[in-house]
């Protein structure tokens, strides 16, 4: 499942770093905190590695 925005992609990258022990979980904020808790390392890798071309900075929530 690819990321829908650059912001989502960055959040996945931060969550992945925390899951791997590269940063402290306490440093996570907002979306990355929830992603780290609810997604597997593989899912986060897929999200973080999404191609950025054509992605909006943020996705409007409805």
C-alpha atoms as a PDB file:
ATOM      1  CA  UNK A   1       0.000   0.000   0.000  1.00  0.00           C
ATOM      2  CA  UNK A   2       1.812   3.141  -1.145  1.00  0.00           C
ATOM      3  CA  UNK A   3       1.825   6.428   0.749  1.00  0.00           C
ATOM      4  CA  UNK A   4      -0.669   9.006  -0.505  1.00  0.00           C
ATOM      5  CA  UNK A   5       1.398  12.097   0.326  1.00  0.00           C
ATOM      6  CA  UNK A   6       4.928  13.208   1.165  1.00  0.00           C
ATOM      7  CA  UNK A   7       3.842  13.866   4.745  1.00  0.00           C
ATOM      8  CA  UNK A   8       2.548  10.295   5.070  1.00  0.00           C
ATOM      9  CA  UNK A   9       5.778   8.996   3.567  1.00  0.00           C
ATOM     10  CA  UNK A  10       7.891  10.972   6.057  1.00  0.00           C
ATOM     11  CA  UNK A  11       5.760   9.700   8.940  1.00  0.00           C
ATOM     12  CA  UNK A  12       6.282   6.116   7.769  1.00  0.00           C
ATOM     13  CA  UNK A  13      10.034   6.695   7.568  1.00  0.00           C
ATOM     14  CA  UNK A  14      10.137   8.013  11.122  1.00  0.00           C
ATOM     15  CA  UNK A  15       7.996   5.123  12.382  1.00  0.00           C
ATOM     16  CA  UNK A  16      10.271   2.642  10.612  1.00  0.00           C
ATOM     17  CA  UNK A  17      13.375   4.199  12.193  1.00  0.00           C
ATOM     18  CA  UNK A  18      11.762   3.861  15.637  1.00  0.00           C
ATOM     19  CA  UNK A  19      10.745   0.255  14.990  1.00  0.00           C
ATOM     20  CA  UNK A  20      14.358  -0.536  14.075  1.00  0.00           C
ATOM     21  CA  UNK A  21      15.655   1.242  17.174  1.00  0.00           C
ATOM     22  CA  UNK A  22      17.369   4.023  15.185  1.00  0.00           C
ATOM     23  CA  UNK A  23      15.432   6.722  17.032  1.00  0.00           C
ATOM     24  CA  UNK A  24      13.550   6.693  20.337  1.00  0.00           C
ATOM     25  CA  UNK A  25       9.833   5.908  20.164  1.00  0.00           C
ATOM     26  CA  UNK A  26       9.314   8.899  22.456  1.00  0.00           C
ATOM     27  CA  UNK A  27      10.549  11.155  19.617  1.00  0.00           C
ATOM     28  CA  UNK A  28       7.651  10.135  17.379  1.00  0.00           C
ATOM     29  CA  UNK A  29       4.788  12.592  16.985  1.00  0.00           C
ATOM     30  CA  UNK A  30       1.319  12.401  15.523  1.00  0.00           C
ATOM     31  CA  UNK A  31       0.863  10.017  12.597  1.00  0.00           C
ATOM     32  CA  UNK A  32       4.247   8.321  12.915  1.00  0.00           C
ATOM     33  CA  UNK A  33       3.438   7.298  16.496  1.00  0.00           C
ATOM     34  CA  UNK A  34       0.236   5.558  15.414  1.00  0.00           C
ATOM     35  CA  UNK A  35       1.911   4.005  12.377  1.00  0.00           C
ATOM     36  CA  UNK A  36       4.745   2.552  14.460  1.00  0.00           C
ATOM     37  CA  UNK A  37       2.219   0.885  16.781  1.00  0.00           C
ATOM     38  CA  UNK A  38      -0.187  -0.398  14.130  1.00  0.00           C
ATOM     39  CA  UNK A  39       1.968  -1.335  11.136  1.00  0.00           C
ATOM     40  CA  UNK A  40       4.596  -4.019  10.544  1.00  0.00           C
ATOM     41  CA  UNK A  41       8.147  -3.164   9.513  1.00  0.00           C
ATOM     42  CA  UNK A  42       7.378  -4.458   5.996  1.00  0.00           C
ATOM     43  CA  UNK A  43       4.290  -2.236   5.682  1.00  0.00           C
ATOM     44  CA  UNK A  44       6.291   0.780   6.840  1.00  0.00           C
ATOM     45  CA  UNK A  45       9.053  -0.022   4.338  1.00  0.00           C
ATOM     46  CA  UNK A  46       6.474  -0.116   1.541  1.00  0.00           C
ATOM     47  CA  UNK A  47       5.047   3.237   2.641  1.00  0.00           C
ATOM     48  CA  UNK A  48       8.424   4.911   3.098  1.00  0.00           C
ATOM     49  CA  UNK A  49       9.761   3.736  -0.262  1.00  0.00           C
ATOM     50  CA  UNK A  50       6.846   5.065  -2.341  1.00  0.00           C
ATOM     51  CA  UNK A  51       7.997   7.130  -5.299  1.00  0.00           C
ATOM     52  CA  UNK A  52       7.476  10.814  -4.513  1.00  0.00           C
ATOM     53  CA  UNK A  53       6.883  12.090  -8.027  1.00  0.00           C
ATOM     54  CA  UNK A  54       3.403  13.513  -8.371  1.00  0.00           C
ATOM     55  CA  UNK A  55       2.560  13.127  -4.680  1.00  0.00           C
ATOM     56  CA  UNK A  56       0.913  16.074  -2.953  1.00  0.00           C
ATOM     57  CA  UNK A  57       2.557  17.436   0.189  1.00  0.00           C
ATOM     58  CA  UNK A  58      -0.571  16.453   2.172  1.00  0.00           C
ATOM     59  CA  UNK A  59      -3.802  14.634   1.399  1.00  0.00           C
ATOM     60  CA  UNK A  60      -7.033  16.430   2.205  1.00  0.00           C
ATOM     61  CA  UNK A  61      -9.083  14.524   4.797  1.00  0.00           C
ATOM     62  CA  UNK A  62     -12.787  14.160   4.195  1.00  0.00           C
END
